[in-house]
Amino acid sequence: MRAVVTRVSHASVTIAGRVNGQIGRGFLVLLGIGPNDTLETAVKLAEKICNLRVFEDENGKMNQNLEQAEGSLLVVSQFTLYADTSSRRPGFSGAARPELAIPLYEAFMARCRERGFPVEHGEFGADMQVESLNDGPVTILFDTEQP
């Protein structure tokens, strides 16, 4: 799995002119799923992101996690994170097929909810417009295939 996690002041996703999900302070998570990903991968990545300490404490240090910051998550599926950019026109055959990706996308969000976090989301495979106000900016890349 690959995720681009941005600390935001607010974020939203709109589909066909209708806001599908929106959050205040928290994380915008662009989530890509690869063909070798499993339920274990989804749970492990959800835990890493929920425990990520990038919110400022009373001393201005990035030392607080999502729970301490009373944050939410907006999760948007993003198969383009698996783009093959070896040519000018990217290929996307490295992304998981929907029959694997959709259940893992749902499992990722379910684990975040189980941890007690409000989770908003886009719609898998939809044409979406994502808006966010980056806070910091702080943006972190996760790739479960990298140590």
Protein backbone atom coordinates (compact mmCIF):
# COMPACT_ATOMS: atom_id res chain seq x y z
CA MET A 1 0.00 0.00 0.00
CA ARG A 2 1.05 3.52 -0.63
CA ALA A 3 -0.35 6.56 1.10
CA VAL A 4 0.28 10.25 0.86
CA VAL A 5 -0.74 11.73 4.20
CA THR A 6 -1.14 15.48 4.52
CA ARG A 7 -1.81 17.28 7.78
CA VAL A 8 -4.72 19.60 7.01
CA SER A 9 -6.72 22.37 8.62
CA HIS A 10 -9.66 21.13 6.56
CA ALA A 11 -10.32 18.98 3.51
CA SER A 12 -13.24 17.82 1.39
CA VAL A 13 -14.04 15.56 -1.53
CA THR A 14 -16.77 16.39 -4.02
CA ILE A 15 -18.38 13.96 -6.48
CA ALA A 16 -20.74 15.16 -9.24
CA GLY A 17 -21.09 18.55 -7.56
CA ARG A 18 -21.99 17.12 -4.14
CA VAL A 19 -19.71 17.10 -1.10
CA ASN A 20 -19.22 13.43 -0.27
CA GLY A 21 -16.95 13.90 2.74
CA GLN A 22 -15.31 16.71 4.66
CA ILE A 23 -13.21 17.11 7.78
CA GLY A 24 -11.69 19.84 9.89
CA ARG A 25 -8.28 19.31 11.45
CA GLY A 26 -6.70 15.98 10.67
CA PHE A 27 -5.25 13.94 7.82
CA LEU A 28 -6.07 13.82 4.14
CA VAL A 29 -5.03 10.29 3.14
CA LEU A 30 -4.59 9.47 -0.55
CA LEU A 31 -4.53 5.67 -0.46
CA GLY A 32 -3.21 3.41 -3.21
CA ILE A 33 -3.50 -0.37 -3.04
CA GLY A 34 -1.13 -2.77 -4.77
CA PRO A 35 -1.72 -6.33 -5.97
CA ASN A 36 0.29 -7.88 -3.11
CA ASP A 37 -1.51 -6.04 -0.31
CA THR A 38 -3.48 -7.93 2.34
CA LEU A 39 -5.80 -7.26 5.25
CA GLU A 40 -2.71 -7.32 7.48
CA THR A 41 -1.12 -4.61 5.33
CA ALA A 42 -4.24 -2.42 5.58
CA VAL A 43 -4.45 -2.74 9.37
CA LYS A 44 -0.73 -2.11 9.85
CA LEU A 45 -0.78 1.02 7.68
CA ALA A 46 -3.91 2.34 9.43
CA GLU A 47 -2.16 1.92 12.79
CA LYS A 48 0.97 3.72 11.55
CA ILE A 49 -1.02 6.66 10.24
CA CYS A 50 -3.27 6.94 13.30
CA ASN A 51 -0.20 6.97 15.56
CA LEU A 52 1.82 9.41 13.43
CA ARG A 53 3.04 12.24 15.65
CA VAL A 54 3.05 15.33 13.44
CA PHE A 55 0.74 17.69 15.32
CA GLU A 56 2.34 20.40 17.42
CA ASP A 57 2.37 20.19 21.20
CA GLU A 58 2.30 23.13 23.62
CA ASN A 59 6.00 23.77 22.85
CA GLY A 60 5.48 23.93 19.09
CA LYS A 61 7.12 20.53 18.50
CA MET A 62 5.59 17.89 16.23
CA ASN A 63 4.89 15.49 19.07
CA GLN A 64 1.15 14.75 19.09
CA ASN A 65 -0.76 12.07 17.22
CA LEU A 66 -4.21 12.24 15.66
CA GLU A 67 -5.97 11.32 18.90
CA GLN A 68 -4.18 14.01 20.91
CA ALA A 69 -4.99 16.55 18.19
CA GLU A 70 -8.66 15.44 18.18
CA GLY A 71 -8.37 15.01 14.42
CA SER A 72 -10.30 13.22 11.70
CA LEU A 73 -9.38 11.46 8.48
CA LEU A 74 -10.52 11.98 4.90
CA VAL A 75 -9.52 8.89 2.91
CA VAL A 76 -9.52 9.02 -0.89
CA SER A 77 -8.68 6.03 -3.07
CA GLN A 78 -5.79 6.85 -5.39
CA PHE A 79 -4.76 4.10 -7.83
CA THR A 80 -2.45 6.61 -9.55
CA LEU A 81 0.02 6.18 -6.67
CA TYR A 82 1.00 2.98 -8.48
CA ALA A 83 1.71 4.75 -11.77
CA ASP A 84 4.52 3.48 -13.97
CA THR A 85 6.21 6.70 -15.03
CA SER A 86 8.89 5.17 -17.23
CA SER A 87 7.28 6.85 -20.25
CA ARG A 88 5.46 10.13 -20.80
CA ARG A 89 2.08 8.46 -20.51
CA PRO A 90 1.83 6.70 -17.15
CA GLY A 91 0.50 3.17 -16.93
CA PHE A 92 -1.54 1.95 -14.00
CA SER A 93 -1.32 -1.82 -14.29
CA GLY A 94 0.68 -1.90 -11.03
CA ALA A 95 -2.40 -0.99 -9.00
CA ALA A 96 -4.63 -3.68 -7.49
CA ARG A 97 -7.80 -4.63 -9.33
CA PRO A 98 -11.05 -3.37 -7.75
CA GLU A 99 -12.03 -6.81 -6.42
CA LEU A 100 -8.95 -6.72 -4.16
CA ALA A 101 -8.60 -2.97 -3.68
CA ILE A 102 -12.14 -2.11 -2.56
CA PRO A 103 -12.23 -4.51 0.43
CA LEU A 104 -8.77 -3.34 1.55
CA TYR A 105 -9.75 0.33 1.18
CA GLU A 106 -12.81 -0.41 3.34
CA ALA A 107 -10.70 -2.38 5.86
CA PHE A 108 -8.25 0.51 6.19
CA MET A 109 -11.09 2.91 7.00
CA ALA A 110 -12.75 0.41 9.33
CA ARG A 111 -9.56 0.07 11.37
CA CYS A 112 -9.32 3.86 11.73
CA ARG A 113 -12.94 3.95 12.89
CA GLU A 114 -12.29 1.12 15.35
CA ARG A 115 -9.60 3.34 16.85
CA GLY A 116 -12.32 5.94 17.46
CA PHE A 117 -11.54 8.38 14.67
CA PRO A 118 -14.15 10.06 12.51
CA VAL A 119 -13.49 8.92 8.93
CA GLU A 120 -14.91 10.57 5.84
CA HIS A 121 -14.16 9.27 2.36
CA GLY A 122 -14.47 9.52 -1.37
CA GLU A 123 -16.00 6.91 -3.63
CA PHE A 124 -13.79 4.19 -5.07
CA GLY A 125 -13.37 4.68 -8.82
CA ALA A 126 -15.32 7.95 -9.00
CA ASP A 127 -14.19 11.19 -10.60
CA MET A 128 -13.53 13.28 -7.49
CA GLN A 129 -12.45 16.82 -6.73
CA VAL A 130 -10.37 17.01 -3.58
CA GLU A 131 -9.77 20.29 -1.76
CA SER A 132 -7.55 20.79 1.24
CA LEU A 133 -5.75 23.43 3.22
CA ASN A 134 -2.36 21.94 4.05
CA ASP A 135 -1.23 22.72 7.58
CA GLY A 136 2.49 23.35 7.80
CA PRO A 137 2.68 22.03 5.14
CA VAL A 138 3.32 18.55 6.46
CA THR A 139 3.09 15.72 3.92
CA ILE A 140 4.40 12.20 4.53
CA LEU A 141 4.72 9.32 2.08
CA PHE A 142 4.13 5.73 3.22
CA ASP A 143 4.98 2.66 1.17
CA THR A 144 4.47 -0.67 2.92
CA GLU A 145 6.95 -2.32 0.56
CA GLN A 146 9.72 -0.06 1.90
CA PRO A 147 11.29 -0.72 5.30
